[in-house]
């Protein structure tokens, strides 16, 4: 066994966890997506200029849902 493998095999014992737990945690850390902080996202809606009034009053939820169902 190489010195690197021997060192890695003893690492869980030094941390006080089983080898299974150590491998599971390592895989989970590598495979799980990285959570983005709330500061990374910026809402940038498209702005459309026009002469006509909006097709639906967005303050009226039922009217908005009806409009979306028609689309």
C-alpha atoms as a PDB file:
ATOM      1  CA  UNK A   1       0.000   0.000   0.000  1.00  0.00           C
ATOM      2  CA  UNK A   2       1.401   3.393  -0.915  1.00  0.00           C
ATOM      3  CA  UNK A   3       2.134   5.963   1.728  1.00  0.00           C
ATOM      4  CA  UNK A   4      -0.652   8.223   0.388  1.00  0.00           C
ATOM      5  CA  UNK A   5      -3.282   5.476   0.703  1.00  0.00           C
ATOM      6  CA  UNK A   6      -2.039   4.597   4.195  1.00  0.00           C
ATOM      7  CA  UNK A   7      -2.339   8.236   5.270  1.00  0.00           C
ATOM      8  CA  UNK A   8      -5.857   8.502   3.824  1.00  0.00           C
ATOM      9  CA  UNK A   9      -6.908   5.259   5.464  1.00  0.00           C
ATOM     10  CA  UNK A  10      -5.946   6.597   8.893  1.00  0.00           C
ATOM     11  CA  UNK A  11      -7.559  10.005   8.391  1.00  0.00           C
ATOM     12  CA  UNK A  12     -11.098   8.971   9.470  1.00  0.00           C
ATOM     13  CA  UNK A  13      -9.733   7.451  12.678  1.00  0.00           C
ATOM     14  CA  UNK A  14      -7.947  10.673  13.555  1.00  0.00           C
ATOM     15  CA  UNK A  15     -11.203  12.565  12.998  1.00  0.00           C
ATOM     16  CA  UNK A  16     -13.166  10.111  15.111  1.00  0.00           C
ATOM     17  CA  UNK A  17     -15.465   8.803  12.358  1.00  0.00           C
ATOM     18  CA  UNK A  18     -15.801   5.478  10.588  1.00  0.00           C
ATOM     19  CA  UNK A  19     -14.298   4.958   7.152  1.00  0.00           C
ATOM     20  CA  UNK A  20     -17.818   4.542   5.729  1.00  0.00           C
ATOM     21  CA  UNK A  21     -18.930   7.859   7.217  1.00  0.00           C
ATOM     22  CA  UNK A  22     -15.773   9.559   5.977  1.00  0.00           C
ATOM     23  CA  UNK A  23     -16.289   8.295   2.404  1.00  0.00           C
ATOM     24  CA  UNK A  24     -20.003   9.204   2.439  1.00  0.00           C
ATOM     25  CA  UNK A  25     -19.236  12.743   3.639  1.00  0.00           C
ATOM     26  CA  UNK A  26     -16.497  13.158   1.024  1.00  0.00           C
ATOM     27  CA  UNK A  27     -18.787  11.969  -1.785  1.00  0.00           C
ATOM     28  CA  UNK A  28     -21.644  14.146  -0.561  1.00  0.00           C
ATOM     29  CA  UNK A  29     -19.387  17.222  -0.457  1.00  0.00           C
ATOM     30  CA  UNK A  30     -18.104  16.535  -3.964  1.00  0.00           C
ATOM     31  CA  UNK A  31     -21.401  15.585  -5.636  1.00  0.00           C
ATOM     32  CA  UNK A  32     -23.901  17.957  -4.028  1.00  0.00           C
ATOM     33  CA  UNK A  33     -24.474  21.251  -5.839  1.00  0.00           C
ATOM     34  CA  UNK A  34     -22.974  24.307  -4.252  1.00  0.00           C
ATOM     35  CA  UNK A  35     -25.607  26.478  -2.597  1.00  0.00           C
ATOM     36  CA  UNK A  36     -25.648  30.025  -3.904  1.00  0.00           C
ATOM     37  CA  UNK A  37     -25.982  32.846  -1.477  1.00  0.00           C
ATOM     38  CA  UNK A  38     -28.946  35.189  -1.770  1.00  0.00           C
ATOM     39  CA  UNK A  39     -26.619  38.014  -2.798  1.00  0.00           C
ATOM     40  CA  UNK A  40     -25.657  36.313  -6.078  1.00  0.00           C
ATOM     41  CA  UNK A  41     -29.119  36.628  -7.646  1.00  0.00           C
ATOM     42  CA  UNK A  42     -30.386  39.878  -9.104  1.00  0.00           C
ATOM     43  CA  UNK A  43     -33.878  40.069 -10.585  1.00  0.00           C
ATOM     44  CA  UNK A  44     -33.718  41.955 -13.884  1.00  0.00           C
ATOM     45  CA  UNK A  45     -37.165  41.898 -15.517  1.00  0.00           C
ATOM     46  CA  UNK A  46     -37.547  42.885 -19.158  1.00  0.00           C
ATOM     47  CA  UNK A  47     -38.918  46.391 -19.644  1.00  0.00           C
ATOM     48  CA  UNK A  48     -41.317  46.871 -22.528  1.00  0.00           C
ATOM     49  CA  UNK A  49     -42.494  50.300 -23.601  1.00  0.00           C
ATOM     50  CA  UNK A  50     -45.795  50.683 -25.380  1.00  0.00           C
ATOM     51  CA  UNK A  51     -48.959  52.737 -25.774  1.00  0.00           C
ATOM     52  CA  UNK A  52     -51.550  50.101 -24.836  1.00  0.00           C
ATOM     53  CA  UNK A  53     -52.579  49.440 -21.223  1.00  0.00           C
ATOM     54  CA  UNK A  54     -51.611  46.066 -19.719  1.00  0.00           C
ATOM     55  CA  UNK A  55     -53.742  43.133 -20.855  1.00  0.00           C
ATOM     56  CA  UNK A  56     -54.453  42.087 -17.270  1.00  0.00           C
ATOM     57  CA  UNK A  57     -54.554  43.670 -13.813  1.00  0.00           C
ATOM     58  CA  UNK A  58     -51.822  41.772 -11.967  1.00  0.00           C
ATOM     59  CA  UNK A  59     -53.311  42.826  -8.622  1.00  0.00           C
ATOM     60  CA  UNK A  60     -56.353  40.622  -9.366  1.00  0.00           C
ATOM     61  CA  UNK A  61     -55.059  37.086  -8.869  1.00  0.00           C
ATOM     62  CA  UNK A  62     -58.052  35.309 -10.433  1.00  0.00           C
ATOM     63  CA  UNK A  63     -57.924  37.504 -13.520  1.00  0.00           C
ATOM     64  CA  UNK A  64     -54.184  36.902 -13.801  1.00  0.00           C
ATOM     65  CA  UNK A  65     -54.604  33.106 -13.548  1.00  0.00           C
ATOM     66  CA  UNK A  66     -57.386  33.185 -16.153  1.00  0.00           C
ATOM     67  CA  UNK A  67     -55.157  35.198 -18.466  1.00  0.00           C
ATOM     68  CA  UNK A  68     -52.246  32.778 -18.014  1.00  0.00           C
ATOM     69  CA  UNK A  69     -54.510  29.796 -18.696  1.00  0.00           C
ATOM     70  CA  UNK A  70     -55.643  31.382 -21.987  1.00  0.00           C
ATOM     71  CA  UNK A  71     -52.054  31.845 -23.162  1.00  0.00           C
END
